[in-house]
């Protein structure tokens, strides 16, 4: 099997899984809000979905660099399929509970941590270091396109079918992805040869942390992501709540999917603009400017008087938020040695996403206590704090010494987009 065929299988599996997951991304919070009507529980669900990366990111990254990546990807997909399928099964038996919905979000996210760690290494093996930027660009384009179309379709499905029935499609997508991933050309022998000698898990974790700590670009980009993810937790955790309480929709209104579609449109704009920005602007300024725009557009989202302005503000906010995240992710992948891909990327993502569960939980509690708009405006402080911290780092300078990989990145990503 050729490298191109291997990446094609990998990309197809991810596309199938992403398409199914857009249904659950809409249906699960809608189902929870239908049952509880609680902004606090809506925020808690988002917090629980983000929590596993904080707890498991370090060991998952180290272990994924030592395990058979094809087997890890396959079994993670089968496990997710079983967990998701349990929701419609319980609903059909009249046993579905709020606790199960919460625990499912937590468990699927925990499995994803190991999947994600193995996926970083698998992608690097399938396309080689020089092909990473182009492959990542293709995956971003596919992901954002699905994110643009999928939520609107998911909203209609949730409005037409019962949410548990719609969620069945996600379980089927995970099963289909598992079958595709089981055929990846990642044999155990090739996998072992491509990796450094096996050391203790703690030593592997320490190596990943040290790499991030010492890298002059990866370190600040990772730390500034905390404030960025804080706002993401708040916005995502309150999308259904905002739709109901601010825009007067019913919890099962099919138009709720438009909010996820608007966010996907913003992410697509960021992915398209990033390669050109990396050619023309200092890398640090992209992140700092994105943080400033994040806070500004979040204030617009909180103050939006109507659906049209709300969708536009949400799309602009997501564009700024995604720009900060993607700038860090793509640069980190390009600068990380192949044998360290799993632990470096999961460790950095664990740190950068650290604000997400806190933002989701805090904003949910604030929304119930003082209102949705105030909760969202408060969340904007996360981006402003990261911006303030970033202005004290070398990222504020026009020139940052990061080697030649950064300049090559813009060229390759531009071709991909």
Protein backbone atom coordinates (compact mmCIF):
# COMPACT_ATOMS: atom_id res chain seq x y z
CA UNK A 1 0.00 0.00 0.00
CA UNK A 2 1.42 3.39 -0.99
CA UNK A 3 1.87 6.37 1.32
CA UNK A 4 -0.84 8.24 -0.61
CA UNK A 5 -3.25 5.32 -0.21
CA UNK A 6 -2.47 5.07 3.50
CA UNK A 7 -3.16 8.75 4.07
CA UNK A 8 -6.31 8.45 1.97
CA UNK A 9 -7.62 5.71 4.27
CA UNK A 10 -6.69 7.77 7.32
CA UNK A 11 -8.38 10.90 5.99
CA UNK A 12 -11.49 8.98 4.90
CA UNK A 13 -11.80 7.42 8.36
CA UNK A 14 -11.51 10.82 10.02
CA UNK A 15 -14.06 12.37 7.65
CA UNK A 16 -16.58 9.60 8.37
CA UNK A 17 -16.06 9.98 12.11
CA UNK A 18 -16.20 13.78 12.01
CA UNK A 19 -19.47 13.66 10.07
CA UNK A 20 -21.05 11.40 12.68
CA UNK A 21 -19.67 13.43 15.55
CA UNK A 22 -21.36 16.62 14.32
CA UNK A 23 -24.68 14.94 15.06
CA UNK A 24 -23.71 14.17 18.65
CA UNK A 25 -22.17 17.62 19.06
CA UNK A 26 -25.65 19.08 18.50
CA UNK A 27 -27.86 16.28 19.83
CA UNK A 28 -26.12 15.61 23.16
CA UNK A 29 -26.33 19.15 24.61
CA UNK A 30 -29.85 19.54 23.19
CA UNK A 31 -30.91 16.27 24.83
CA UNK A 32 -29.35 17.34 28.12
CA UNK A 33 -31.02 20.75 28.08
CA UNK A 34 -34.38 19.19 27.17
CA UNK A 35 -34.11 16.99 30.24
CA UNK A 36 -32.77 19.57 32.71
CA UNK A 37 -33.17 23.15 31.44
CA UNK A 38 -29.96 23.91 33.35
CA UNK A 39 -27.16 26.18 32.11
CA UNK A 40 -24.94 24.87 34.92
CA UNK A 41 -25.31 21.28 33.72
CA UNK A 42 -24.80 22.35 30.11
CA UNK A 43 -21.52 23.98 31.12
CA UNK A 44 -20.59 20.95 33.22
CA UNK A 45 -21.07 18.64 30.21
CA UNK A 46 -18.61 20.71 28.18
CA UNK A 47 -16.23 20.78 31.15
CA UNK A 48 -16.37 16.99 31.50
CA UNK A 49 -15.69 16.58 27.79
CA UNK A 50 -12.55 18.71 28.11
CA UNK A 51 -11.34 17.27 31.42
CA UNK A 52 -9.80 13.98 30.15
CA UNK A 53 -7.13 15.81 28.16
CA UNK A 54 -5.95 17.50 31.34
CA UNK A 55 -5.81 14.25 33.29
CA UNK A 56 -4.68 11.79 30.61
CA UNK A 57 -2.74 13.94 28.16
CA UNK A 58 0.69 13.24 29.61
CA UNK A 59 0.49 9.43 29.94
CA UNK A 60 -1.51 9.05 26.71
CA UNK A 61 1.13 10.88 24.71
CA UNK A 62 3.95 8.81 26.16
CA UNK A 63 2.11 5.49 25.77
CA UNK A 64 0.92 6.24 22.24
CA UNK A 65 4.54 6.68 21.15
CA UNK A 66 5.21 3.14 22.41
CA UNK A 67 2.05 1.29 21.38
CA UNK A 68 1.03 -0.10 17.99
CA UNK A 69 -0.64 2.97 16.51
CA UNK A 70 -2.95 1.15 14.12
CA UNK A 71 -4.29 -1.05 16.91
CA UNK A 72 -4.72 1.95 19.21
CA UNK A 73 -6.66 3.92 16.58
CA UNK A 74 -8.87 0.95 15.75
CA UNK A 75 -9.76 -0.02 19.29
CA UNK A 76 -10.40 3.56 20.32
CA UNK A 77 -12.90 3.88 17.47
CA UNK A 78 -14.67 0.65 18.43
CA UNK A 79 -14.82 1.78 22.06
CA UNK A 80 -16.34 5.12 21.09
CA UNK A 81 -18.91 3.37 18.92
CA UNK A 82 -20.01 1.22 21.87
CA UNK A 83 -20.22 4.15 24.28
CA UNK A 84 -22.27 6.27 21.88
CA UNK A 85 -24.56 3.36 20.95
CA UNK A 86 -25.43 2.93 24.61
CA UNK A 87 -27.41 6.22 24.57
CA UNK A 88 -30.11 5.19 22.01
CA UNK A 89 -30.12 1.69 23.54
CA UNK A 90 -30.86 3.08 27.01
CA UNK A 91 -33.46 5.48 25.60
CA UNK A 92 -35.26 2.61 23.85
CA UNK A 93 -35.40 0.71 27.16
CA UNK A 94 -36.56 3.77 29.09
CA UNK A 95 -33.36 3.77 31.16
CA UNK A 96 -31.60 6.89 29.84
CA UNK A 97 -30.51 9.28 32.59
CA UNK A 98 -28.75 12.61 32.89
CA UNK A 99 -25.88 10.83 34.63
CA UNK A 100 -25.40 8.55 31.62
CA UNK A 101 -25.27 11.53 29.27
CA UNK A 102 -22.60 13.16 31.43
CA UNK A 103 -20.55 9.98 31.80
CA UNK A 104 -20.77 9.26 28.07
CA UNK A 105 -19.36 12.69 27.25
CA UNK A 106 -16.56 12.06 29.76
CA UNK A 107 -15.77 8.52 28.57
CA UNK A 108 -15.78 9.29 24.84
CA UNK A 109 -13.47 12.25 25.47
CA UNK A 110 -11.14 10.03 27.51
CA UNK A 111 -10.92 7.54 24.65
CA UNK A 112 -10.29 10.41 22.24
CA UNK A 113 -7.16 11.45 24.16
CA UNK A 114 -5.49 8.14 23.31
CA UNK A 115 -6.84 8.23 19.76
CA UNK A 116 -5.52 11.75 19.26
CA UNK A 117 -2.08 10.88 20.61
CA UNK A 118 -1.80 7.88 18.27
CA UNK A 119 -3.15 9.92 15.35
CA UNK A 120 -0.34 12.49 15.61
CA UNK A 121 2.28 9.77 15.25
CA UNK A 122 0.33 7.85 12.62
CA UNK A 123 0.00 10.92 10.41
CA UNK A 124 3.72 11.67 10.65
CA UNK A 125 4.51 8.06 9.70
CA UNK A 126 2.05 7.98 6.79
CA UNK A 127 3.10 11.24 5.10
CA UNK A 128 6.63 11.86 6.41
CA UNK A 129 7.87 15.02 8.10
CA UNK A 130 7.94 17.01 4.86
CA UNK A 131 4.32 16.14 4.09
CA UNK A 132 2.91 17.11 7.48
CA UNK A 133 1.92 20.68 6.65
CA UNK A 134 0.14 19.69 3.44
CA UNK A 135 -1.60 16.72 5.07
CA UNK A 136 -2.64 18.81 8.05
CA UNK A 137 -4.01 21.45 5.70
CA UNK A 138 -6.11 18.88 3.86
CA UNK A 139 -7.46 17.53 7.13
CA UNK A 140 -8.29 21.04 8.36
CA UNK A 141 -10.12 21.79 5.13
CA UNK A 142 -12.14 18.56 5.35
CA UNK A 143 -12.90 19.07 9.04
CA UNK A 144 -14.07 22.64 8.64
CA UNK A 145 -16.17 21.79 5.56
CA UNK A 146 -17.94 19.08 7.55
CA UNK A 147 -18.29 21.50 10.42
CA UNK A 148 -19.90 23.99 8.06
CA UNK A 149 -22.46 21.60 6.58
CA UNK A 150 -22.89 19.00 9.30
CA UNK A 151 -24.36 21.03 12.19
CA UNK A 152 -27.18 22.45 10.08
CA UNK A 153 -28.06 18.95 8.91
CA UNK A 154 -27.70 17.68 12.48
CA UNK A 155 -30.04 20.39 13.73
CA UNK A 156 -32.67 19.26 11.25
CA UNK A 157 -32.14 15.62 12.23
CA UNK A 158 -32.51 16.43 15.91
CA UNK A 159 -35.67 18.43 15.20
CA UNK A 160 -37.11 15.66 12.99
CA UNK A 161 -35.98 12.59 14.91
CA UNK A 162 -35.62 12.06 18.63
CA UNK A 163 -32.07 13.10 19.66
CA UNK A 164 -31.16 9.57 20.82
CA UNK A 165 -32.11 8.22 17.40
CA UNK A 166 -29.98 10.85 15.67
CA UNK A 167 -27.03 9.93 17.89
CA UNK A 168 -27.15 6.38 16.46
CA UNK A 169 -25.56 7.78 13.29
CA UNK A 170 -22.46 8.75 15.27
CA UNK A 171 -22.09 5.21 16.63
CA UNK A 172 -22.27 3.86 13.09
CA UNK A 173 -19.68 6.38 11.90
CA UNK A 174 -17.22 5.28 14.60
CA UNK A 175 -17.71 1.65 13.57
CA UNK A 176 -17.09 2.47 9.91
CA UNK A 177 -13.98 4.47 10.84
CA UNK A 178 -12.67 1.54 12.88
CA UNK A 179 -12.91 -0.75 9.85
CA UNK A 180 -10.99 1.73 7.71
CA UNK A 181 -8.31 2.39 10.32
CA UNK A 182 -7.68 -1.33 10.78
CA UNK A 183 -6.29 -1.35 7.21
CA UNK A 184 -3.70 1.41 7.70
CA UNK A 185 -0.15 0.46 6.61
CA UNK A 186 1.25 0.84 10.13
CA UNK A 187 2.68 -2.58 10.83
CA UNK A 188 4.11 -3.30 14.28
CA UNK A 189 7.61 -3.91 12.83
CA UNK A 190 7.71 -0.62 10.94
CA UNK A 191 6.20 1.14 13.94
CA UNK A 192 8.88 -0.15 16.31
CA UNK A 193 11.73 0.66 13.95
CA UNK A 194 10.49 4.21 13.52
CA UNK A 195 10.66 4.90 17.23
CA UNK A 196 13.31 5.56 19.81
CA UNK A 197 14.23 2.81 22.31
CA UNK A 198 11.56 2.08 24.90
CA UNK A 199 12.04 3.92 28.15
CA UNK A 200 9.89 4.29 31.23
CA UNK A 201 6.64 6.17 30.80
CA UNK A 202 7.70 8.80 33.32
CA UNK A 203 10.92 9.43 31.39
CA UNK A 204 8.94 9.81 28.17
CA UNK A 205 6.59 12.29 29.84
CA UNK A 206 9.53 14.25 31.23
CA UNK A 207 11.13 14.40 27.80
CA UNK A 208 7.97 15.87 26.30
CA UNK A 209 7.62 18.47 29.05
CA UNK A 210 11.26 19.47 28.76
CA UNK A 211 10.99 19.91 25.01
CA UNK A 212 8.03 22.24 25.39
CA UNK A 213 9.61 24.15 28.27
CA UNK A 214 12.84 24.81 26.40
CA UNK A 215 11.41 25.63 22.98
CA UNK A 216 11.34 29.42 22.45
CA UNK A 217 8.18 29.37 20.32
CA UNK A 218 6.21 26.30 21.37
CA UNK A 219 6.34 27.23 25.08
CA UNK A 220 4.66 30.66 24.90
CA UNK A 221 2.20 29.61 22.20
CA UNK A 222 1.13 26.70 24.40
CA UNK A 223 0.73 28.74 27.58
CA UNK A 224 -1.21 31.54 25.88
CA UNK A 225 -3.66 28.93 24.62
CA UNK A 226 -5.06 28.58 28.15
CA UNK A 227 -6.92 31.89 28.00
CA UNK A 228 -8.03 31.17 24.45
CA UNK A 229 -9.49 27.80 25.46
CA UNK A 230 -11.17 29.39 28.50
CA UNK A 231 -13.34 31.45 26.15
CA UNK A 232 -13.97 28.40 23.97
CA UNK A 233 -15.30 26.44 26.93
CA UNK A 234 -17.65 29.27 27.80
CA UNK A 235 -19.02 29.76 24.28
CA UNK A 236 -19.42 26.08 23.41
CA UNK A 237 -20.88 25.24 26.81
CA UNK A 238 -23.56 27.91 26.44
CA UNK A 239 -24.54 27.62 22.76
CA UNK A 240 -27.83 25.85 23.41
CA UNK A 241 -28.47 28.02 26.49
CA UNK A 242 -27.78 31.19 24.47
CA UNK A 243 -30.07 30.04 21.67
CA UNK A 244 -32.92 29.45 24.11
CA UNK A 245 -32.50 32.31 26.58
CA UNK A 246 -31.09 35.05 24.35
CA UNK A 247 -32.62 34.31 20.94
CA UNK A 248 -35.90 32.77 22.15
CA UNK A 249 -35.60 29.39 20.42
CA UNK A 250 -37.04 26.12 21.65
CA UNK A 251 -34.44 23.54 22.77
CA UNK A 252 -35.31 21.32 19.78
CA UNK A 253 -35.42 24.15 17.21
CA UNK A 254 -33.63 23.00 14.05
CA UNK A 255 -32.04 26.45 13.70
CA UNK A 256 -29.79 25.74 16.69
CA UNK A 257 -27.53 23.85 14.29
CA UNK A 258 -26.86 27.17 12.55
CA UNK A 259 -24.75 28.28 15.49
CA UNK A 260 -22.35 25.36 15.04
CA UNK A 261 -22.36 26.00 11.30
CA UNK A 262 -21.46 29.66 11.88
CA UNK A 263 -18.62 28.59 14.15
CA UNK A 264 -17.38 26.17 11.49
CA UNK A 265 -17.45 28.95 8.91
CA UNK A 266 -15.24 31.02 11.19
CA UNK A 267 -12.84 28.11 11.63
CA UNK A 268 -12.70 27.62 7.85
CA UNK A 269 -11.87 31.31 7.40
CA UNK A 270 -9.06 30.99 9.93
CA UNK A 271 -7.63 27.85 8.31
CA UNK A 272 -7.71 29.55 4.91
CA UNK A 273 -6.12 32.77 6.12
CA UNK A 274 -3.43 31.27 8.33
CA UNK A 275 -0.89 30.21 5.66
CA UNK A 276 -0.98 33.68 4.09
CA UNK A 277 -0.72 35.35 7.48
CA UNK A 278 2.31 33.22 8.37
CA UNK A 279 4.04 34.49 5.22
CA UNK A 280 3.28 38.16 5.85
CA UNK A 281 3.11 38.64 9.63
CA UNK A 282 5.37 37.69 12.54
CA UNK A 283 4.22 34.38 14.02
CA UNK A 284 3.86 35.85 17.49
CA UNK A 285 1.73 38.73 16.24
CA UNK A 286 -0.76 36.27 14.72
CA UNK A 287 -1.41 34.79 18.15
CA UNK A 288 -1.51 38.14 19.96
CA UNK A 289 -3.81 39.67 17.35
CA UNK A 290 -6.04 36.61 17.49
CA UNK A 291 -6.38 36.93 21.27
CA UNK A 292 -7.35 40.59 20.99
CA UNK A 293 -9.93 39.78 18.31
CA UNK A 294 -11.20 36.87 20.43
CA UNK A 295 -12.13 39.20 23.30
CA UNK A 296 -13.65 41.84 21.00
CA UNK A 297 -15.86 39.44 19.04
CA UNK A 298 -16.90 37.57 22.20
CA UNK A 299 -18.23 40.89 23.52
CA UNK A 300 -20.13 41.30 20.23
CA UNK A 301 -21.55 37.77 20.56
CA UNK A 302 -22.70 38.53 24.10
CA UNK A 303 -24.35 41.79 23.06
CA UNK A 304 -25.93 40.61 19.78
CA UNK A 305 -29.53 41.83 19.53
CA UNK A 306 -30.72 39.36 16.91
CA UNK A 307 -30.06 36.04 15.19
CA UNK A 308 -28.26 37.43 12.12
CA UNK A 309 -25.86 39.61 14.12
CA UNK A 310 -25.43 36.75 16.56
CA UNK A 311 -24.40 34.29 13.86
CA UNK A 312 -22.00 36.83 12.34
CA UNK A 313 -20.44 37.61 15.73
CA UNK A 314 -20.08 33.92 16.57
CA UNK A 315 -18.40 33.22 13.21
CA UNK A 316 -15.94 36.08 13.76
CA UNK A 317 -15.23 34.96 17.31
CA UNK A 318 -14.56 31.39 16.17
CA UNK A 319 -12.26 32.66 13.44
CA UNK A 320 -10.15 34.51 16.01
CA UNK A 321 -10.21 31.61 18.47
CA UNK A 322 -9.28 29.07 15.78
CA UNK A 323 -6.51 31.30 14.46
CA UNK A 324 -4.77 31.22 17.84
CA UNK A 325 -5.19 27.45 18.13
CA UNK A 326 -4.20 26.57 14.57
CA UNK A 327 -1.16 28.82 14.60
CA UNK A 328 0.14 26.91 17.61
CA UNK A 329 -0.86 23.44 16.39
CA UNK A 330 0.60 23.63 12.88
CA UNK A 331 3.86 25.20 14.03
CA UNK A 332 4.20 22.65 16.83
CA UNK A 333 3.68 19.72 14.46
CA UNK A 334 6.22 21.13 12.02
CA UNK A 335 8.88 21.70 14.67
CA UNK A 336 8.46 18.45 16.63
CA UNK A 337 10.68 15.43 15.80
CA UNK A 338 8.76 12.38 14.53
CA UNK A 339 9.42 10.07 17.53
CA UNK A 340 8.11 12.78 19.89
CA UNK A 341 4.94 13.68 17.98
CA UNK A 342 2.54 11.87 20.32
CA UNK A 343 3.82 13.13 23.64
CA UNK A 344 4.68 16.67 22.52
CA UNK A 345 1.35 17.32 20.84
CA UNK A 346 -0.82 15.76 23.52
CA UNK A 347 1.15 17.46 26.29
CA UNK A 348 0.96 20.87 24.60
CA UNK A 349 -2.72 20.40 23.81
CA UNK A 350 -3.35 19.32 27.40
CA UNK A 351 -1.80 22.57 28.66
CA UNK A 352 -3.36 24.82 26.03
CA UNK A 353 -6.82 23.32 26.57
CA UNK A 354 -6.48 23.69 30.33
CA UNK A 355 -8.80 26.67 30.43
CA UNK A 356 -11.66 24.98 28.57
CA UNK A 357 -13.27 22.98 31.42
CA UNK A 358 -12.88 25.91 33.80
CA UNK A 359 -14.45 28.31 31.29
CA UNK A 360 -17.34 25.94 30.60
CA UNK A 361 -18.12 25.22 34.26
CA UNK A 362 -17.72 28.82 35.42
CA UNK A 363 -19.81 30.28 32.60
CA UNK A 364 -22.59 27.77 33.22
CA UNK A 365 -22.81 28.73 36.88
CA UNK A 366 -22.66 32.45 36.02
CA UNK A 367 -25.36 32.10 33.37
CA UNK A 368 -27.77 30.66 35.95
CA UNK A 369 -26.75 33.25 38.55
CA UNK A 370 -26.42 36.53 36.62
CA UNK A 371 -27.43 35.80 33.03
CA UNK A 372 -25.93 34.52 29.78
CA UNK A 373 -24.62 37.88 28.52
CA UNK A 374 -22.72 38.62 31.73
CA UNK A 375 -21.27 35.12 31.76
CA UNK A 376 -19.95 35.51 28.21
CA UNK A 377 -18.52 38.98 28.87
CA UNK A 378 -16.74 37.61 31.94
CA UNK A 379 -15.27 34.78 29.84
CA UNK A 380 -13.64 37.35 27.54
CA UNK A 381 -11.27 38.14 30.41
CA UNK A 382 -9.53 34.84 29.67
CA UNK A 383 -8.40 36.04 26.25
CA UNK A 384 -7.43 39.44 27.62
CA UNK A 385 -5.29 37.90 30.37
CA UNK A 386 -3.46 35.73 27.82
CA UNK A 387 -2.98 38.78 25.61
CA UNK A 388 -1.51 40.75 28.52
CA UNK A 389 0.85 37.88 29.35
CA UNK A 390 1.82 37.48 25.70
CA UNK A 391 2.88 41.11 25.45
CA UNK A 392 5.57 40.40 28.04
CA UNK A 393 7.10 37.56 25.98
CA UNK A 394 9.36 37.61 22.90
CA UNK A 395 6.23 37.02 20.78
CA UNK A 396 5.65 40.78 20.79
CA UNK A 397 8.80 41.29 18.71
CA UNK A 398 8.68 41.41 14.95
CA UNK A 399 11.46 38.82 14.62
CA UNK A 400 11.53 35.63 16.69
CA UNK A 401 14.35 33.13 16.19
CA UNK A 402 12.63 29.81 15.49
CA UNK A 403 14.74 28.34 12.72
CA UNK A 404 13.73 27.83 9.09
CA UNK A 405 10.76 25.54 9.68
CA UNK A 406 8.41 28.42 10.37
CA UNK A 407 8.96 30.01 6.95
CA UNK A 408 8.63 26.70 5.16
CA UNK A 409 5.38 26.08 6.98
CA UNK A 410 3.59 28.98 5.37
CA UNK A 411 4.46 27.79 1.87
CA UNK A 412 3.31 24.23 2.39
CA UNK A 413 0.14 25.18 4.24
CA UNK A 414 -0.72 27.63 1.51
CA UNK A 415 -0.59 24.87 -1.07
CA UNK A 416 -2.77 22.67 1.11
CA UNK A 417 -5.44 25.29 1.59
